Every structure is written in C-alpha cells, then in structure tokens.
Amino acid sequence: PLQFLAAVLPKPESLGETTKGKTNIGVI
C-alpha cells in the first residue's frame, strides 16, 4: 500500500517551482 501511495503522490522533485518559504534546521 505505501508504495502505491508513493506512486500517486506528487513527486518531490516536481515541487520546486511552487514551494515558497524557508527551512530552519539546527541543534541546541
């Protein structure tokens, strides 16, 4: 089931043009 779900979801590499905002990753 998870592999089928992955096949129908948007491909991550297709999201670049529409994605807006920022990431913030770090350690405390």
mmCIF file of all heavy atoms, coordinates in Angstrom:
data_MODEL
# 
_entry.id   MODEL 
# 
loop_
_atom_site.group_PDB 
_atom_site.id 
_atom_site.type_symbol 
_atom_site.label_atom_id 
_atom_site.label_alt_id 
_atom_site.label_comp_id 
_atom_site.label_asym_id 
_atom_site.label_entity_id 
_atom_site.label_seq_id 
_atom_site.pdbx_PDB_ins_code 
_atom_site.Cartn_x 
_atom_site.Cartn_y 
_atom_site.Cartn_z 
_atom_site.occupancy 
_atom_site.B_iso_or_equiv 
_atom_site.pdbx_formal_charge 
_atom_site.auth_seq_id 
_atom_site.auth_comp_id 
_atom_site.auth_asym_id 
_atom_site.auth_atom_id 
_atom_site.pdbx_PDB_model_num 
ATOM 1   N N   . PRO A 1 1  ? 0.807  -1.233 0.000   1.00 0.00 ? 1  PRO A N   1 
ATOM 2   C CA  . PRO A 1 1  ? 0.000  0.000  0.000   1.00 0.00 ? 1  PRO A CA  1 
ATOM 3   C C   . PRO A 1 1  ? 0.833  1.273  0.000   1.00 0.00 ? 1  PRO A C   1 
ATOM 4   O O   . PRO A 1 1  ? 0.526  2.219  -0.737  1.00 0.00 ? 1  PRO A O   1 
ATOM 5   C CB  . PRO A 1 1  ? -0.836 -0.140 1.279   1.00 0.00 ? 1  PRO A CB  1 
ATOM 6   C CG  . PRO A 1 1  ? -0.994 -1.610 1.459   1.00 0.00 ? 1  PRO A CG  1 
ATOM 7   C CD  . PRO A 1 1  ? 0.320  -2.197 1.013   1.00 0.00 ? 1  PRO A CD  1 
ATOM 8   N N   . LEU A 1 2  ? 1.889  1.321  0.811   1.00 0.00 ? 2  LEU A N   1 
ATOM 9   C CA  . LEU A 1 2  ? 2.690  2.539  0.883   1.00 0.00 ? 2  LEU A CA  1 
ATOM 10  C C   . LEU A 1 2  ? 3.381  2.822  -0.450  1.00 0.00 ? 2  LEU A C   1 
ATOM 11  O O   . LEU A 1 2  ? 3.494  3.983  -0.869  1.00 0.00 ? 2  LEU A O   1 
ATOM 12  C CB  . LEU A 1 2  ? 3.727  2.438  2.006   1.00 0.00 ? 2  LEU A CB  1 
ATOM 13  C CG  . LEU A 1 2  ? 4.645  3.655  2.194   1.00 0.00 ? 2  LEU A CG  1 
ATOM 14  C CD1 . LEU A 1 2  ? 3.848  4.931  2.380   1.00 0.00 ? 2  LEU A CD1 1 
ATOM 15  C CD2 . LEU A 1 2  ? 5.587  3.434  3.371   1.00 0.00 ? 2  LEU A CD2 1 
ATOM 16  N N   . GLN A 1 3  ? 3.838  1.790  -1.147  1.00 0.00 ? 3  GLN A N   1 
ATOM 17  C CA  . GLN A 1 3  ? 4.469  2.002  -2.445  1.00 0.00 ? 3  GLN A CA  1 
ATOM 18  C C   . GLN A 1 3  ? 3.465  2.518  -3.472  1.00 0.00 ? 3  GLN A C   1 
ATOM 19  O O   . GLN A 1 3  ? 3.793  3.367  -4.312  1.00 0.00 ? 3  GLN A O   1 
ATOM 20  C CB  . GLN A 1 3  ? 5.122  0.711  -2.928  1.00 0.00 ? 3  GLN A CB  1 
ATOM 21  C CG  . GLN A 1 3  ? 6.320  0.298  -2.101  1.00 0.00 ? 3  GLN A CG  1 
ATOM 22  C CD  . GLN A 1 3  ? 6.961  -0.993 -2.569  1.00 0.00 ? 3  GLN A CD  1 
ATOM 23  O OE1 . GLN A 1 3  ? 6.453  -1.663 -3.483  1.00 0.00 ? 3  GLN A OE1 1 
ATOM 24  N NE2 . GLN A 1 3  ? 8.081  -1.361 -1.958  1.00 0.00 ? 3  GLN A NE2 1 
ATOM 25  N N   . PHE A 1 4  ? 2.216  2.013  -3.400  1.00 0.00 ? 4  PHE A N   1 
ATOM 26  C CA  . PHE A 1 4  ? 1.176  2.523  -4.295  1.00 0.00 ? 4  PHE A CA  1 
ATOM 27  C C   . PHE A 1 4  ? 0.878  3.989  -3.973  1.00 0.00 ? 4  PHE A C   1 
ATOM 28  O O   . PHE A 1 4  ? 0.759  4.819  -4.876  1.00 0.00 ? 4  PHE A O   1 
ATOM 29  C CB  . PHE A 1 4  ? -0.105 1.689  -4.164  1.00 0.00 ? 4  PHE A CB  1 
ATOM 30  C CG  . PHE A 1 4  ? -1.246 2.205  -4.997  1.00 0.00 ? 4  PHE A CG  1 
ATOM 31  C CD1 . PHE A 1 4  ? -1.309 1.928  -6.353  1.00 0.00 ? 4  PHE A CD1 1 
ATOM 32  C CD2 . PHE A 1 4  ? -2.246 2.993  -4.432  1.00 0.00 ? 4  PHE A CD2 1 
ATOM 33  C CE1 . PHE A 1 4  ? -2.347 2.418  -7.133  1.00 0.00 ? 4  PHE A CE1 1 
ATOM 34  C CE2 . PHE A 1 4  ? -3.282 3.490  -5.207  1.00 0.00 ? 4  PHE A CE2 1 
ATOM 35  C CZ  . PHE A 1 4  ? -3.334 3.189  -6.553  1.00 0.00 ? 4  PHE A CZ  1 
ATOM 36  N N   . LEU A 1 5  ? 0.785  4.304  -2.672  1.00 0.00 ? 5  LEU A N   1 
ATOM 37  C CA  . LEU A 1 5  ? 0.542  5.695  -2.278  1.00 0.00 ? 5  LEU A CA  1 
ATOM 38  C C   . LEU A 1 5  ? 1.656  6.606  -2.787  1.00 0.00 ? 5  LEU A C   1 
ATOM 39  O O   . LEU A 1 5  ? 1.396  7.695  -3.321  1.00 0.00 ? 5  LEU A O   1 
ATOM 40  C CB  . LEU A 1 5  ? 0.447  5.784  -0.752  1.00 0.00 ? 5  LEU A CB  1 
ATOM 41  C CG  . LEU A 1 5  ? 0.288  7.191  -0.159  1.00 0.00 ? 5  LEU A CG  1 
ATOM 42  C CD1 . LEU A 1 5  ? -0.996 7.843  -0.632  1.00 0.00 ? 5  LEU A CD1 1 
ATOM 43  C CD2 . LEU A 1 5  ? 0.329  7.126  1.365   1.00 0.00 ? 5  LEU A CD2 1 
ATOM 44  N N   . ALA A 1 6  ? 2.903  6.150  -2.649  1.00 0.00 ? 6  ALA A N   1 
ATOM 45  C CA  . ALA A 1 6  ? 4.035  6.955  -3.121  1.00 0.00 ? 6  ALA A CA  1 
ATOM 46  C C   . ALA A 1 6  ? 3.949  7.207  -4.619  1.00 0.00 ? 6  ALA A C   1 
ATOM 47  O O   . ALA A 1 6  ? 4.336  8.276  -5.115  1.00 0.00 ? 6  ALA A O   1 
ATOM 48  C CB  . ALA A 1 6  ? 5.349  6.262  -2.772  1.00 0.00 ? 6  ALA A CB  1 
ATOM 49  N N   . ALA A 1 7  ? 3.410  6.226  -5.354  1.00 0.00 ? 7  ALA A N   1 
ATOM 50  C CA  . ALA A 1 7  ? 3.317  6.362  -6.811  1.00 0.00 ? 7  ALA A CA  1 
ATOM 51  C C   . ALA A 1 7  ? 2.293  7.408  -7.236  1.00 0.00 ? 7  ALA A C   1 
ATOM 52  O O   . ALA A 1 7  ? 2.429  8.021  -8.309  1.00 0.00 ? 7  ALA A O   1 
ATOM 53  C CB  . ALA A 1 7  ? 2.967  5.017  -7.445  1.00 0.00 ? 7  ALA A CB  1 
ATOM 54  N N   . VAL A 1 8  ? 1.265  7.633  -6.413  1.00 0.00 ? 8  VAL A N   1 
ATOM 55  C CA  . VAL A 1 8  ? 0.214  8.577  -6.814  1.00 0.00 ? 8  VAL A CA  1 
ATOM 56  C C   . VAL A 1 8  ? 0.410  9.969  -6.209  1.00 0.00 ? 8  VAL A C   1 
ATOM 57  O O   . VAL A 1 8  ? -0.229 10.931 -6.650  1.00 0.00 ? 8  VAL A O   1 
ATOM 58  C CB  . VAL A 1 8  ? -1.191 8.040  -6.449  1.00 0.00 ? 8  VAL A CB  1 
ATOM 59  C CG1 . VAL A 1 8  ? -1.459 6.730  -7.163  1.00 0.00 ? 8  VAL A CG1 1 
ATOM 60  C CG2 . VAL A 1 8  ? -1.381 7.885  -4.952  1.00 0.00 ? 8  VAL A CG2 1 
ATOM 61  N N   . LEU A 1 9  ? 1.290  10.091 -5.213  1.00 0.00 ? 9  LEU A N   1 
ATOM 62  C CA  . LEU A 1 9  ? 1.551  11.406 -4.632  1.00 0.00 ? 9  LEU A CA  1 
ATOM 63  C C   . LEU A 1 9  ? 2.448  12.229 -5.557  1.00 0.00 ? 9  LEU A C   1 
ATOM 64  O O   . LEU A 1 9  ? 3.179  11.679 -6.392  1.00 0.00 ? 9  LEU A O   1 
ATOM 65  C CB  . LEU A 1 9  ? 2.237  11.252 -3.269  1.00 0.00 ? 9  LEU A CB  1 
ATOM 66  C CG  . LEU A 1 9  ? 1.368  10.757 -2.116  1.00 0.00 ? 9  LEU A CG  1 
ATOM 67  C CD1 . LEU A 1 9  ? 2.222  10.546 -0.868  1.00 0.00 ? 9  LEU A CD1 1 
ATOM 68  C CD2 . LEU A 1 9  ? 0.243  11.733 -1.821  1.00 0.00 ? 9  LEU A CD2 1 
ATOM 69  N N   . PRO A 1 10 ? 2.424  13.569 -5.428  1.00 0.00 ? 10 PRO A N   1 
ATOM 70  C CA  . PRO A 1 10 ? 3.322  14.404 -6.228  1.00 0.00 ? 10 PRO A CA  1 
ATOM 71  C C   . PRO A 1 10 ? 4.786  14.032 -5.974  1.00 0.00 ? 10 PRO A C   1 
ATOM 72  O O   . PRO A 1 10 ? 5.172  13.742 -4.846  1.00 0.00 ? 10 PRO A O   1 
ATOM 73  C CB  . PRO A 1 10 ? 3.026  15.823 -5.719  1.00 0.00 ? 10 PRO A CB  1 
ATOM 74  C CG  . PRO A 1 10 ? 1.653  15.753 -5.137  1.00 0.00 ? 10 PRO A CG  1 
ATOM 75  C CD  . PRO A 1 10 ? 1.522  14.374 -4.572  1.00 0.00 ? 10 PRO A CD  1 
ATOM 76  N N   . LYS A 1 11 ? 5.570  14.017 -7.033  1.00 0.00 ? 11 LYS A N   1 
ATOM 77  C CA  . LYS A 1 11 ? 6.987  13.726 -6.887  1.00 0.00 ? 11 LYS A CA  1 
ATOM 78  C C   . LYS A 1 11 ? 7.685  14.913 -6.207  1.00 0.00 ? 11 LYS A C   1 
ATOM 79  O O   . LYS A 1 11 ? 7.478  16.070 -6.605  1.00 0.00 ? 11 LYS A O   1 
ATOM 80  C CB  . LYS A 1 11 ? 7.635  13.461 -8.247  1.00 0.00 ? 11 LYS A CB  1 
ATOM 81  C CG  . LYS A 1 11 ? 7.000  12.295 -9.015  1.00 0.00 ? 11 LYS A CG  1 
ATOM 82  C CD  . LYS A 1 11 ? 7.110  10.999 -8.262  1.00 0.00 ? 11 LYS A CD  1 
ATOM 83  C CE  . LYS A 1 11 ? 6.491  9.846  -9.032  1.00 0.00 ? 11 LYS A CE  1 
ATOM 84  N NZ  . LYS A 1 11 ? 6.360  8.634  -8.185  1.00 0.00 ? 11 LYS A NZ  1 
ATOM 85  N N   . PRO A 1 12 ? 8.520  14.661 -5.199  1.00 0.00 ? 12 PRO A N   1 
ATOM 86  C CA  . PRO A 1 12 ? 9.180  15.777 -4.506  1.00 0.00 ? 12 PRO A CA  1 
ATOM 87  C C   . PRO A 1 12 ? 9.951  16.700 -5.456  1.00 0.00 ? 12 PRO A C   1 
ATOM 88  O O   . PRO A 1 12 ? 9.956  17.912 -5.263  1.00 0.00 ? 12 PRO A O   1 
ATOM 89  C CB  . PRO A 1 12 ? 10.122 15.065 -3.532  1.00 0.00 ? 12 PRO A CB  1 
ATOM 90  C CG  . PRO A 1 12 ? 9.472  13.755 -3.280  1.00 0.00 ? 12 PRO A CG  1 
ATOM 91  C CD  . PRO A 1 12 ? 8.832  13.368 -4.583  1.00 0.00 ? 12 PRO A CD  1 
ATOM 92  N N   . GLU A 1 13 ? 10.577 16.115 -6.476  1.00 0.00 ? 13 GLU A N   1 
ATOM 93  C CA  . GLU A 1 13 ? 11.361 16.938 -7.404  1.00 0.00 ? 13 GLU A CA  1 
ATOM 94  C C   . GLU A 1 13 ? 10.493 17.844 -8.260  1.00 0.00 ? 13 GLU A C   1 
ATOM 95  O O   . GLU A 1 13 ? 10.997 18.761 -8.921  1.00 0.00 ? 13 GLU A O   1 
ATOM 96  C CB  . GLU A 1 13 ? 12.256 16.058 -8.283  1.00 0.00 ? 13 GLU A CB  1 
ATOM 97  C CG  . GLU A 1 13 ? 11.533 15.008 -9.102  1.00 0.00 ? 13 GLU A CG  1 
ATOM 98  C CD  . GLU A 1 13 ? 11.467 13.661 -8.407  1.00 0.00 ? 13 GLU A CD  1 
ATOM 99  O OE1 . GLU A 1 13 ? 11.454 13.614 -7.155  1.00 0.00 ? 13 GLU A OE1 1 
ATOM 100 O OE2 . GLU A 1 13 ? 11.414 12.642 -9.122  1.00 0.00 ? 13 GLU A OE2 1 
ATOM 101 N N   . SER A 1 14 ? 9.154  17.605 -8.255  1.00 0.00 ? 14 SER A N   1 
ATOM 102 C CA  . SER A 1 14 ? 8.249  18.457 -9.035  1.00 0.00 ? 14 SER A CA  1 
ATOM 103 C C   . SER A 1 14 ? 7.763  19.660 -8.241  1.00 0.00 ? 14 SER A C   1 
ATOM 104 O O   . SER A 1 14 ? 7.056  20.518 -8.787  1.00 0.00 ? 14 SER A O   1 
ATOM 105 C CB  . SER A 1 14 ? 7.041  17.634 -9.497  1.00 0.00 ? 14 SER A CB  1 
ATOM 106 O OG  . SER A 1 14 ? 6.173  17.334 -8.404  1.00 0.00 ? 14 SER A OG  1 
ATOM 107 N N   . LEU A 1 15 ? 8.117  19.744 -6.959  1.00 0.00 ? 15 LEU A N   1 
ATOM 108 C CA  . LEU A 1 15 ? 7.561  20.773 -6.084  1.00 0.00 ? 15 LEU A CA  1 
ATOM 109 C C   . LEU A 1 15 ? 8.396  22.053 -6.050  1.00 0.00 ? 15 LEU A C   1 
ATOM 110 O O   . LEU A 1 15 ? 7.977  23.050 -5.459  1.00 0.00 ? 15 LEU A O   1 
ATOM 111 C CB  . LEU A 1 15 ? 7.436  20.234 -4.656  1.00 0.00 ? 15 LEU A CB  1 
ATOM 112 C CG  . LEU A 1 15 ? 6.559  18.990 -4.465  1.00 0.00 ? 15 LEU A CG  1 
ATOM 113 C CD1 . LEU A 1 15 ? 6.662  18.492 -3.030  1.00 0.00 ? 15 LEU A CD1 1 
ATOM 114 C CD2 . LEU A 1 15 ? 5.117  19.276 -4.836  1.00 0.00 ? 15 LEU A CD2 1 
ATOM 115 N N   . GLY A 1 16 ? 9.570  22.030 -6.658  1.00 0.00 ? 16 GLY A N   1 
ATOM 116 C CA  . GLY A 1 16 ? 10.489 23.163 -6.532  1.00 0.00 ? 16 GLY A CA  1 
ATOM 117 C C   . GLY A 1 16 ? 9.916  24.485 -6.978  1.00 0.00 ? 16 GLY A C   1 
ATOM 118 O O   . GLY A 1 16 ? 10.056 25.505 -6.293  1.00 0.00 ? 16 GLY A O   1 
ATOM 119 N N   . GLU A 1 17 ? 9.250  24.493 -8.104  1.00 0.00 ? 17 GLU A N   1 
ATOM 120 C CA  . GLU A 1 17 ? 8.769  25.758 -8.671  1.00 0.00 ? 17 GLU A CA  1 
ATOM 121 C C   . GLU A 1 17 ? 7.670  26.393 -7.835  1.00 0.00 ? 17 GLU A C   1 
ATOM 122 O O   . GLU A 1 17 ? 7.527  27.617 -7.790  1.00 0.00 ? 17 GLU A O   1 
ATOM 123 C CB  . GLU A 1 17 ? 8.261  25.522 -10.097 1.00 0.00 ? 17 GLU A CB  1 
ATOM 124 C CG  . GLU A 1 17 ? 7.949  26.809 -10.847 1.00 0.00 ? 17 GLU A CG  1 
ATOM 125 C CD  . GLU A 1 17 ? 7.668  26.566 -12.314 1.00 0.00 ? 17 GLU A CD  1 
ATOM 126 O OE1 . GLU A 1 17 ? 7.584  25.395 -12.727 1.00 0.00 ? 17 GLU A OE1 1 
ATOM 127 O OE2 . GLU A 1 17 ? 7.537  27.561 -13.062 1.00 0.00 ? 17 GLU A OE2 1 
ATOM 128 N N   . THR A 1 18 ? 6.874  25.572 -7.144  1.00 0.00 ? 18 THR A N   1 
ATOM 129 C CA  . THR A 1 18 ? 5.724  26.098 -6.400  1.00 0.00 ? 18 THR A CA  1 
ATOM 130 C C   . THR A 1 18 ? 6.003  26.312 -4.915  1.00 0.00 ? 18 THR A C   1 
ATOM 131 O O   . THR A 1 18 ? 5.190  26.925 -4.224  1.00 0.00 ? 18 THR A O   1 
ATOM 132 C CB  . THR A 1 18 ? 4.516  25.151 -6.537  1.00 0.00 ? 18 THR A CB  1 
ATOM 133 O OG1 . THR A 1 18 ? 4.850  23.865 -5.974  1.00 0.00 ? 18 THR A OG1 1 
ATOM 134 C CG2 . THR A 1 18 ? 4.120  24.979 -7.988  1.00 0.00 ? 18 THR A CG2 1 
ATOM 135 N N   . THR A 1 19 ? 7.112  25.817 -4.402  1.00 0.00 ? 19 THR A N   1 
ATOM 136 C CA  . THR A 1 19 ? 7.366  25.891 -2.969  1.00 0.00 ? 19 THR A CA  1 
ATOM 137 C C   . THR A 1 19 ? 7.946  27.249 -2.588  1.00 0.00 ? 19 THR A C   1 
ATOM 138 O O   . THR A 1 19 ? 8.942  27.701 -3.153  1.00 0.00 ? 19 THR A O   1 
ATOM 139 C CB  . THR A 1 19 ? 8.328  24.774 -2.522  1.00 0.00 ? 19 THR A CB  1 
ATOM 140 O OG1 . THR A 1 19 ? 7.794  23.507 -2.908  1.00 0.00 ? 19 THR A OG1 1 
ATOM 141 C CG2 . THR A 1 19 ? 8.489  24.790 -1.008  1.00 0.00 ? 19 THR A CG2 1 
ATOM 142 N N   . LYS A 1 20 ? 7.304  27.874 -1.619  1.00 0.00 ? 20 LYS A N   1 
ATOM 143 C CA  . LYS A 1 20 ? 7.728  29.192 -1.139  1.00 0.00 ? 20 LYS A CA  1 
ATOM 144 C C   . LYS A 1 20 ? 7.983  29.113 0.361   1.00 0.00 ? 20 LYS A C   1 
ATOM 145 O O   . LYS A 1 20 ? 7.342  28.352 1.079   1.00 0.00 ? 20 LYS A O   1 
ATOM 146 C CB  . LYS A 1 20 ? 6.655  30.256 -1.407  1.00 0.00 ? 20 LYS A CB  1 
ATOM 147 C CG  . LYS A 1 20 ? 6.087  30.251 -2.823  1.00 0.00 ? 20 LYS A CG  1 
ATOM 148 C CD  . LYS A 1 20 ? 7.142  30.544 -3.876  1.00 0.00 ? 20 LYS A CD  1 
ATOM 149 C CE  . LYS A 1 20 ? 6.531  30.514 -5.292  1.00 0.00 ? 20 LYS A CE  1 
ATOM 150 N NZ  . LYS A 1 20 ? 7.577  30.657 -6.336  1.00 0.00 ? 20 LYS A NZ  1 
ATOM 151 N N   . GLY A 1 21 ? 8.916  29.928 0.852   1.00 0.00 ? 21 GLY A N   1 
ATOM 152 C CA  . GLY A 1 21 ? 9.213  29.945 2.277   1.00 0.00 ? 21 GLY A CA  1 
ATOM 153 C C   . GLY A 1 21 ? 10.624 29.486 2.577   1.00 0.00 ? 21 GLY A C   1 
ATOM 154 O O   . GLY A 1 21 ? 11.488 29.469 1.692   1.00 0.00 ? 21 GLY A O   1 
ATOM 155 N N   . LYS A 1 22 ? 10.865 29.101 3.827   1.00 0.00 ? 22 LYS A N   1 
ATOM 156 C CA  . LYS A 1 22 ? 12.224 28.778 4.259   1.00 0.00 ? 22 LYS A CA  1 
ATOM 157 C C   . LYS A 1 22 ? 12.249 27.550 5.161   1.00 0.00 ? 22 LYS A C   1 
ATOM 158 O O   . LYS A 1 22 ? 11.250 27.197 5.791   1.00 0.00 ? 22 LYS A O   1 
ATOM 159 C CB  . LYS A 1 22 ? 12.827 29.968 5.016   1.00 0.00 ? 22 LYS A CB  1 
ATOM 160 C CG  . LYS A 1 22 ? 13.031 31.201 4.126   1.00 0.00 ? 22 LYS A CG  1 
ATOM 161 C CD  . LYS A 1 22 ? 13.599 32.360 4.910   1.00 0.00 ? 22 LYS A CD  1 
ATOM 162 C CE  . LYS A 1 22 ? 13.797 33.570 3.976   1.00 0.00 ? 22 LYS A CE  1 
ATOM 163 N NZ  . LYS A 1 22 ? 14.325 34.747 4.707   1.00 0.00 ? 22 LYS A NZ  1 
ATOM 164 N N   . THR A 1 23 ? 13.411 26.907 5.186   1.00 0.00 ? 23 THR A N   1 
ATOM 165 C CA  . THR A 1 23 ? 13.688 25.871 6.180   1.00 0.00 ? 23 THR A CA  1 
ATOM 166 C C   . THR A 1 23 ? 14.584 26.474 7.257   1.00 0.00 ? 23 THR A C   1 
ATOM 167 O O   . THR A 1 23 ? 15.316 27.434 7.016   1.00 0.00 ? 23 THR A O   1 
ATOM 168 C CB  . THR A 1 23 ? 14.393 24.653 5.559   1.00 0.00 ? 23 THR A CB  1 
ATOM 169 O OG1 . THR A 1 23 ? 15.672 25.060 5.043   1.00 0.00 ? 23 THR A OG1 1 
ATOM 170 C CG2 . THR A 1 23 ? 13.563 24.052 4.428   1.00 0.00 ? 23 THR A CG2 1 
ATOM 171 N N   . ASN A 1 24 ? 14.515 25.894 8.444   1.00 0.00 ? 24 ASN A N   1 
ATOM 172 C CA  . ASN A 1 24 ? 15.378 26.309 9.543   1.00 0.00 ? 24 ASN A CA  1 
ATOM 173 C C   . ASN A 1 24 ? 15.736 25.042 10.314  1.00 0.00 ? 24 ASN A C   1 
ATOM 174 O O   . ASN A 1 24 ? 14.888 24.447 10.978  1.00 0.00 ? 24 ASN A O   1 
ATOM 175 C CB  . ASN A 1 24 ? 14.653 27.311 10.450  1.00 0.00 ? 24 ASN A CB  1 
ATOM 176 C CG  . ASN A 1 24 ? 15.535 27.838 11.575  1.00 0.00 ? 24 ASN A CG  1 
ATOM 177 O OD1 . ASN A 1 24 ? 16.413 27.151 12.066  1.00 0.00 ? 24 ASN A OD1 1 
ATOM 178 N ND2 . ASN A 1 24 ? 15.278 29.069 11.988  1.00 0.00 ? 24 ASN A ND2 1 
ATOM 179 N N   . ILE A 1 25 ? 16.975 24.599 10.199  1.00 0.00 ? 25 ILE A N   1 
ATOM 180 C CA  . ILE A 1 25 ? 17.404 23.342 10.805  1.00 0.00 ? 25 ILE A CA  1 
ATOM 181 C C   . ILE A 1 25 ? 18.640 23.603 11.659  1.00 0.00 ? 25 ILE A C   1 
ATOM 182 O O   . ILE A 1 25 ? 19.587 24.262 11.206  1.00 0.00 ? 25 ILE A O   1 
ATOM 183 C CB  . ILE A 1 25 ? 17.741 22.272 9.748   1.00 0.00 ? 25 ILE A CB  1 
ATOM 184 C CG1 . ILE A 1 25 ? 16.644 22.194 8.672   1.00 0.00 ? 25 ILE A CG1 1 
ATOM 185 C CG2 . ILE A 1 25 ? 17.928 20.909 10.411  1.00 0.00 ? 25 ILE A CG2 1 
ATOM 186 C CD1 . ILE A 1 25 ? 16.985 21.289 7.515   1.00 0.00 ? 25 ILE A CD1 1 
ATOM 187 N N   . GLY A 1 26 ? 18.633 23.082 12.885  1.00 0.00 ? 26 GLY A N   1 
ATOM 188 C CA  . GLY A 1 26 ? 19.788 23.297 13.738  1.00 0.00 ? 26 GLY A CA  1 
ATOM 189 C C   . GLY A 1 26 ? 19.774 22.436 14.975  1.00 0.00 ? 26 GLY A C   1 
ATOM 190 O O   . GLY A 1 26 ? 18.936 21.549 15.135  1.00 0.00 ? 26 GLY A O   1 
ATOM 191 N N   . VAL A 1 27 ? 20.746 22.703 15.872  1.00 0.00 ? 27 VAL A N   1 
ATOM 192 C CA  . VAL A 1 27 ? 20.855 21.955 17.118  1.00 0.00 ? 27 VAL A CA  1 
ATOM 193 C C   . VAL A 1 27 ? 21.008 22.923 18.285  1.00 0.00 ? 27 VAL A C   1 
ATOM 194 O O   . VAL A 1 27 ? 21.628 23.989 18.158  1.00 0.00 ? 27 VAL A O   1 
ATOM 195 C CB  . VAL A 1 27 ? 22.037 20.954 17.100  1.00 0.00 ? 27 VAL A CB  1 
ATOM 196 C CG1 . VAL A 1 27 ? 21.923 19.995 15.928  1.00 0.00 ? 27 VAL A CG1 1 
ATOM 197 C CG2 . VAL A 1 27 ? 23.377 21.667 17.053  1.00 0.00 ? 27 VAL A CG2 1 
ATOM 198 N N   . ILE A 1 28 ? 20.426 22.536 19.404  1.00 0.00 ? 28 ILE A N   1 
ATOM 199 C CA  . ILE A 1 28 ? 20.591 23.266 20.663  1.00 0.00 ? 28 ILE A CA  1 
ATOM 200 C C   . ILE A 1 28 ? 21.301 22.330 21.634  1.00 0.00 ? 28 ILE A C   1 
ATOM 201 O O   . ILE A 1 28 ? 20.827 21.224 21.901  1.00 0.00 ? 28 ILE A O   1 
ATOM 202 C CB  . ILE A 1 28 ? 19.244 23.715 21.246  1.00 0.00 ? 28 ILE A CB  1 
ATOM 203 C CG1 . ILE A 1 28 ? 18.531 24.669 20.272  1.00 0.00 ? 28 ILE A CG1 1 
ATOM 204 C CG2 . ILE A 1 28 ? 19.446 24.409 22.589  1.00 0.00 ? 28 ILE A CG2 1 
ATOM 205 C CD1 . ILE A 1 28 ? 17.140 25.084 20.728  1.00 0.00 ? 28 ILE A CD1 1 
# 
